[in-house]
Structures are given as C-alpha cells and as structure tokens.
C-alpha cells in the first residue's frame, strides 16, 4: 500500500520481544471537495496512524 501525505511528528522506534522492532508514525492527508449544489470549497484532513514492523533476526 502506498500512502502519500505529511508526517505529523517524529517517528518512534520500539523493541518488541528482543528480535523485532516497530516504527510508529502518523501521516496527515489534506483533501478538498465542493459539496453538490454549493460554490464553497470544503477542506478535510485525514490522519492515519502507521506501524512498520522490522525483524532483526536472520534465517
């Protein structure tokens, strides 16, 4: 999956079970639309919480 947006804060790395790491971060996506029958442009911000899992163990 590909998500394009802006990072909202610094990413944080946490260790889980000594052999895995997870990187947590948040992305903001700006969007706008014009409601039907209106001339006014509405702006919407969507926040997505993301986790990227890393496995440091090798097979």
PDB file of N, CA and C in Angstrom:
ATOM      1  N   UNK A   1       0.839  -1.160   0.000  1.00  0.00           N
ATOM      2  CA  UNK A   1       0.000   0.000   0.000  1.00  0.00           C
ATOM      3  C   UNK A   1       0.893   1.235   0.000  1.00  0.00           C
ATOM      4  N   UNK A   2       0.492   2.203  -0.742  1.00  0.00           N
ATOM      5  CA  UNK A   2       1.249   3.455  -0.806  1.00  0.00           C
ATOM      6  C   UNK A   2       0.353   4.590  -0.333  1.00  0.00           C
ATOM      7  N   UNK A   3       0.845   5.339   0.640  1.00  0.00           N
ATOM      8  CA  UNK A   3       0.119   6.489   1.176  1.00  0.00           C
ATOM      9  C   UNK A   3       1.019   7.703   1.047  1.00  0.00           C
ATOM     10  N   UNK A   4       0.486   8.765   0.464  1.00  0.00           N
ATOM     11  CA  UNK A   4       1.254   9.986   0.307  1.00  0.00           C
ATOM     12  C   UNK A   4       0.641  11.067   1.191  1.00  0.00           C
ATOM     13  N   UNK A   5       1.467  11.641   2.061  1.00  0.00           N
ATOM     14  CA  UNK A   5       0.982  12.678   2.960  1.00  0.00           C
ATOM     15  C   UNK A   5       2.146  13.328   3.669  1.00  0.00           C
ATOM     16  N   UNK A   6       1.843  14.014   4.765  1.00  0.00           N
ATOM     17  CA  UNK A   6       2.858  14.707   5.555  1.00  0.00           C
ATOM     18  C   UNK A   6       3.009  14.011   6.897  1.00  0.00           C
ATOM     19  N   UNK A   7       4.262  13.857   7.347  1.00  0.00           N
ATOM     20  CA  UNK A   7       4.497  13.331   8.688  1.00  0.00           C
ATOM     21  C   UNK A   7       4.038  14.372   9.697  1.00  0.00           C
ATOM     22  N   UNK A   8       3.332  13.924  10.736  1.00  0.00           N
ATOM     23  CA  UNK A   8       2.806  14.877  11.719  1.00  0.00           C
ATOM     24  C   UNK A   8       3.683  15.001  12.959  1.00  0.00           C
ATOM     25  N   UNK A   9       4.607  14.043  13.150  1.00  0.00           N
ATOM     26  CA  UNK A   9       5.508  14.077  14.310  1.00  0.00           C
ATOM     27  C   UNK A   9       6.694  13.165  14.012  1.00  0.00           C
ATOM     28  N   UNK A  10       7.702  13.203  14.888  1.00  0.00           N
ATOM     29  CA  UNK A  10       8.846  12.311  14.726  1.00  0.00           C
ATOM     30  C   UNK A  10       8.416  10.857  14.902  1.00  0.00           C
ATOM     31  N   UNK A  11       8.990   9.976  14.103  1.00  0.00           N
ATOM     32  CA  UNK A  11       8.719   8.543  14.234  1.00  0.00           C
ATOM     33  C   UNK A  11       9.364   8.021  15.512  1.00  0.00           C
ATOM     34  N   UNK A  12       8.742   7.014  16.120  1.00  0.00           N
ATOM     35  CA  UNK A  12       9.310   6.410  17.331  1.00  0.00           C
ATOM     36  C   UNK A  12       9.574   4.928  17.065  1.00  0.00           C
ATOM     37  N   UNK A  13      10.730   4.432  17.529  1.00  0.00           N
ATOM     38  CA  UNK A  13      11.122   3.038  17.358  1.00  0.00           C
ATOM     39  C   UNK A  13      11.030   2.343  18.709  1.00  0.00           C
ATOM     40  N   UNK A  14      10.372   1.186  18.735  1.00  0.00           N
ATOM     41  CA  UNK A  14      10.240   0.421  19.968  1.00  0.00           C
ATOM     42  C   UNK A  14      10.650  -1.018  19.710  1.00  0.00           C
ATOM     43  N   UNK A  15      11.299  -1.655  20.702  1.00  0.00           N
ATOM     44  CA  UNK A  15      11.679  -3.063  20.599  1.00  0.00           C
ATOM     45  C   UNK A  15      10.568  -3.931  21.172  1.00  0.00           C
ATOM     46  N   UNK A  16      10.323  -5.054  20.500  1.00  0.00           N
ATOM     47  CA  UNK A  16       9.302  -5.998  20.937  1.00  0.00           C
ATOM     48  C   UNK A  16       9.913  -7.392  20.919  1.00  0.00           C
ATOM     49  N   UNK A  17       9.901  -8.098  22.042  1.00  0.00           N
ATOM     50  CA  UNK A  17      10.395  -9.483  22.148  1.00  0.00           C
ATOM     51  C   UNK A  17      11.853  -9.655  21.732  1.00  0.00           C
ATOM     52  N   UNK A  18      12.682  -8.653  21.891  1.00  0.00           N
ATOM     53  CA  UNK A  18      14.133  -8.694  21.632  1.00  0.00           C
ATOM     54  C   UNK A  18      14.536  -8.942  20.185  1.00  0.00           C
ATOM     55  N   UNK A  19      13.689  -9.465  19.319  1.00  0.00           N
ATOM     56  CA  UNK A  19      14.109  -9.728  17.940  1.00  0.00           C
ATOM     57  C   UNK A  19      13.315  -8.926  16.908  1.00  0.00           C
ATOM     58  N   UNK A  20      12.373  -8.135  17.357  1.00  0.00           N
ATOM     59  CA  UNK A  20      11.581  -7.324  16.437  1.00  0.00           C
ATOM     60  C   UNK A  20      11.576  -5.873  16.890  1.00  0.00           C
ATOM     61  N   UNK A  21      11.418  -4.991  15.921  1.00  0.00           N
ATOM     62  CA  UNK A  21      11.271  -3.568  16.205  1.00  0.00           C
ATOM     63  C   UNK A  21      10.069  -3.061  15.426  1.00  0.00           C
ATOM     64  N   UNK A  22       9.409  -2.061  15.974  1.00  0.00           N
ATOM     65  CA  UNK A  22       8.285  -1.437  15.277  1.00  0.00           C
ATOM     66  C   UNK A  22       8.522   0.070  15.253  1.00  0.00           C
ATOM     67  N   UNK A  23       8.289   0.653  14.085  1.00  0.00           N
ATOM     68  CA  UNK A  23       8.402   2.098  13.909  1.00  0.00           C
ATOM     69  C   UNK A  23       6.978   2.647  13.784  1.00  0.00           C
ATOM     70  N   UNK A  24       6.585   3.524  14.701  1.00  0.00           N
ATOM     71  CA  UNK A  24       5.248   4.120  14.692  1.00  0.00           C
ATOM     72  C   UNK A  24       5.350   5.573  14.237  1.00  0.00           C
ATOM     73  N   UNK A  25       4.425   5.957  13.342  1.00  0.00           N
ATOM     74  CA  UNK A  25       4.386   7.334  12.868  1.00  0.00           C
ATOM     75  C   UNK A  25       2.975   7.660  12.400  1.00  0.00           C
ATOM     76  N   UNK A  26       2.701   8.929  12.217  1.00  0.00           N
ATOM     77  CA  UNK A  26       1.385   9.394  11.807  1.00  0.00           C
ATOM     78  C   UNK A  26       1.534  10.251  10.545  1.00  0.00           C
ATOM     79  N   UNK A  27       0.578  10.097   9.633  1.00  0.00           N
ATOM     80  CA  UNK A  27       0.587  10.842   8.375  1.00  0.00           C
ATOM     81  C   UNK A  27      -0.720  11.624   8.258  1.00  0.00           C
ATOM     82  N   UNK A  28      -0.634  12.864   7.786  1.00  0.00           N
ATOM     83  CA  UNK A  28      -1.821  13.692   7.532  1.00  0.00           C
ATOM     84  C   UNK A  28      -1.987  13.859   6.031  1.00  0.00           C
ATOM     85  N   UNK A  29      -3.230  13.708   5.568  1.00  0.00           N
ATOM     86  CA  UNK A  29      -3.552  13.874   4.154  1.00  0.00           C
ATOM     87  C   UNK A  29      -4.594  14.978   4.038  1.00  0.00           C
ATOM     88  N   UNK A  30      -4.280  16.002   3.264  1.00  0.00           N
ATOM     89  CA  UNK A  30      -5.228  17.094   3.027  1.00  0.00           C
ATOM     90  C   UNK A  30      -6.033  16.791   1.769  1.00  0.00           C
ATOM     91  N   UNK A  31      -7.334  17.038   1.837  1.00  0.00           N
ATOM     92  CA  UNK A  31      -8.208  16.827   0.686  1.00  0.00           C
ATOM     93  C   UNK A  31      -9.231  17.951   0.673  1.00  0.00           C
ATOM     94  N   UNK A  32      -9.788  18.238  -0.475  1.00  0.00           N
ATOM     95  CA  UNK A  32     -10.851  19.230  -0.550  1.00  0.00           C
ATOM     96  C   UNK A  32     -11.882  18.790  -1.584  1.00  0.00           C
ATOM     97  N   UNK A  33     -13.096  19.287  -1.396  1.00  0.00           N
ATOM     98  CA  UNK A  33     -14.188  18.956  -2.309  1.00  0.00           C
ATOM     99  C   UNK A  33     -15.216  20.075  -2.268  1.00  0.00           C
ATOM    100  N   UNK A  34     -16.082  20.085  -3.271  1.00  0.00           N
ATOM    101  CA  UNK A  34     -17.153  21.056  -3.347  1.00  0.00           C
ATOM    102  C   UNK A  34     -18.466  20.277  -3.225  1.00  0.00           C
ATOM    103  N   UNK A  35     -19.223  20.499  -2.144  1.00  0.00           N
ATOM    104  CA  UNK A  35     -20.495  19.781  -1.990  1.00  0.00           C
ATOM    105  C   UNK A  35     -21.454  20.095  -3.141  1.00  0.00           C
ATOM    106  N   UNK A  36     -22.289  19.115  -3.465  1.00  0.00           N
ATOM    107  CA  UNK A  36     -23.253  19.272  -4.551  1.00  0.00           C
ATOM    108  C   UNK A  36     -24.171  20.469  -4.270  1.00  0.00           C
ATOM    109  N   UNK A  37     -24.307  21.330  -5.242  1.00  0.00           N
ATOM    110  CA  UNK A  37     -25.173  22.497  -5.119  1.00  0.00           C
ATOM    111  C   UNK A  37     -24.549  23.656  -4.360  1.00  0.00           C
ATOM    112  N   UNK A  38     -23.260  23.574  -4.062  1.00  0.00           N
ATOM    113  CA  UNK A  38     -22.593  24.641  -3.304  1.00  0.00           C
ATOM    114  C   UNK A  38     -21.418  25.180  -4.103  1.00  0.00           C
ATOM    115  N   UNK A  39     -21.086  26.421  -3.857  1.00  0.00           N
ATOM    116  CA  UNK A  39     -19.912  27.005  -4.506  1.00  0.00           C
ATOM    117  C   UNK A  39     -18.734  27.066  -3.533  1.00  0.00           C
ATOM    118  N   UNK A  40     -18.991  26.689  -2.281  1.00  0.00           N
ATOM    119  CA  UNK A  40     -17.967  26.751  -1.245  1.00  0.00           C
ATOM    120  C   UNK A  40     -17.105  25.484  -1.236  1.00  0.00           C
ATOM    121  N   UNK A  41     -15.804  25.646  -1.174  1.00  0.00           N
ATOM    122  CA  UNK A  41     -14.864  24.532  -1.147  1.00  0.00           C
ATOM    123  C   UNK A  41     -14.650  24.086   0.298  1.00  0.00           C
ATOM    124  N   UNK A  42     -14.842  22.806   0.567  1.00  0.00           N
ATOM    125  CA  UNK A  42     -14.645  22.237   1.908  1.00  0.00           C
ATOM    126  C   UNK A  42     -13.290  21.551   1.962  1.00  0.00           C
ATOM    127  N   UNK A  43     -12.557  21.763   3.057  1.00  0.00           N
ATOM    128  CA  UNK A  43     -11.259  21.114   3.250  1.00  0.00           C
ATOM    129  C   UNK A  43     -11.366  20.089   4.364  1.00  0.00           C
ATOM    130  N   UNK A  44     -10.752  18.925   4.146  1.00  0.00           N
ATOM    131  CA  UNK A  44     -10.781  17.829   5.101  1.00  0.00           C
ATOM    132  C   UNK A  44      -9.351  17.343   5.313  1.00  0.00           C
ATOM    133  N   UNK A  45      -8.993  17.058   6.577  1.00  0.00           N
ATOM    134  CA  UNK A  45      -7.687  16.479   6.891  1.00  0.00           C
ATOM    135  C   UNK A  45      -7.930  15.088   7.475  1.00  0.00           C
ATOM    136  N   UNK A  46      -7.255  14.091   6.913  1.00  0.00           N
ATOM    137  CA  UNK A  46      -7.364  12.718   7.386  1.00  0.00           C
ATOM    138  C   UNK A  46      -6.029  12.342   8.016  1.00  0.00           C
ATOM    139  N   UNK A  47      -6.080  11.812   9.256  1.00  0.00           N
ATOM    140  CA  UNK A  47      -4.883  11.371   9.950  1.00  0.00           C
ATOM    141  C   UNK A  47      -4.835   9.853   9.942  1.00  0.00           C
ATOM    142  N   UNK A  48      -3.691   9.294   9.568  1.00  0.00           N
ATOM    143  CA  UNK A  48      -3.524   7.841   9.513  1.00  0.00           C
ATOM    144  C   UNK A  48      -2.357   7.454  10.414  1.00  0.00           C
ATOM    145  N   UNK A  49      -2.635   6.575  11.381  1.00  0.00           N
ATOM    146  CA  UNK A  49      -1.600   6.032  12.259  1.00  0.00           C
ATOM    147  C   UNK A  49      -0.974   4.827  11.563  1.00  0.00           C
ATOM    148  N   UNK A  50       0.358   4.808  11.451  1.00  0.00           N
ATOM    149  CA  UNK A  50       1.064   3.752  10.726  1.00  0.00           C
ATOM    150  C   UNK A  50       2.058   3.033  11.640  1.00  0.00           C
ATOM    151  N   UNK A  51       2.276   1.749  11.367  1.00  0.00           N
ATOM    152  CA  UNK A  51       3.281   0.951  12.061  1.00  0.00           C
ATOM    153  C   UNK A  51       4.050   0.162  11.018  1.00  0.00           C
ATOM    154  N   UNK A  52       5.367   0.234  11.104  1.00  0.00           N
ATOM    155  CA  UNK A  52       6.237  -0.515  10.189  1.00  0.00           C
ATOM    156  C   UNK A  52       7.050  -1.476  11.035  1.00  0.00           C
ATOM    157  N   UNK A  53       6.826  -2.779  10.821  1.00  0.00           N
ATOM    158  CA  UNK A  53       7.484  -3.808  11.640  1.00  0.00           C
ATOM    159  C   UNK A  53       8.786  -4.249  11.003  1.00  0.00           C
ATOM    160  N   UNK A  54       9.835  -4.344  11.830  1.00  0.00           N
ATOM    161  CA  UNK A  54      11.148  -4.802  11.390  1.00  0.00           C
ATOM    162  C   UNK A  54      11.511  -6.063  12.163  1.00  0.00           C
ATOM    163  N   UNK A  55      12.050  -7.046  11.477  1.00  0.00           N
ATOM    164  CA  UNK A  55      12.526  -8.266  12.130  1.00  0.00           C
ATOM    165  C   UNK A  55      14.029  -8.311  11.984  1.00  0.00           C
ATOM    166  N   UNK A  56      14.762  -8.224  13.088  1.00  0.00           N
ATOM    167  CA  UNK A  56      16.221  -8.180  13.020  1.00  0.00           C
ATOM    168  C   UNK A  56      16.845  -9.567  12.976  1.00  0.00           C
ATOM    169  N   UNK A  57      16.056 -10.607  13.208  1.00  0.00           N
ATOM    170  CA  UNK A  57      16.575 -11.985  13.162  1.00  0.00           C
ATOM    171  C   UNK A  57      16.766 -12.417  11.710  1.00  0.00           C
ATOM    172  N   UNK A  58      17.824 -13.178  11.438  1.00  0.00           N
ATOM    173  CA  UNK A  58      18.070 -13.687  10.086  1.00  0.00           C
ATOM    174  C   UNK A  58      17.874 -15.179  10.062  1.00  0.00           C
ATOM    175  N   UNK A  59      17.440 -15.690   8.947  1.00  0.00           N
ATOM    176  CA  UNK A  59      17.177 -17.140   8.830  1.00  0.00           C
ATOM    177  C   UNK A  59      18.396 -17.870   8.341  1.00  0.00           C
TER     178      UNK A  59
END
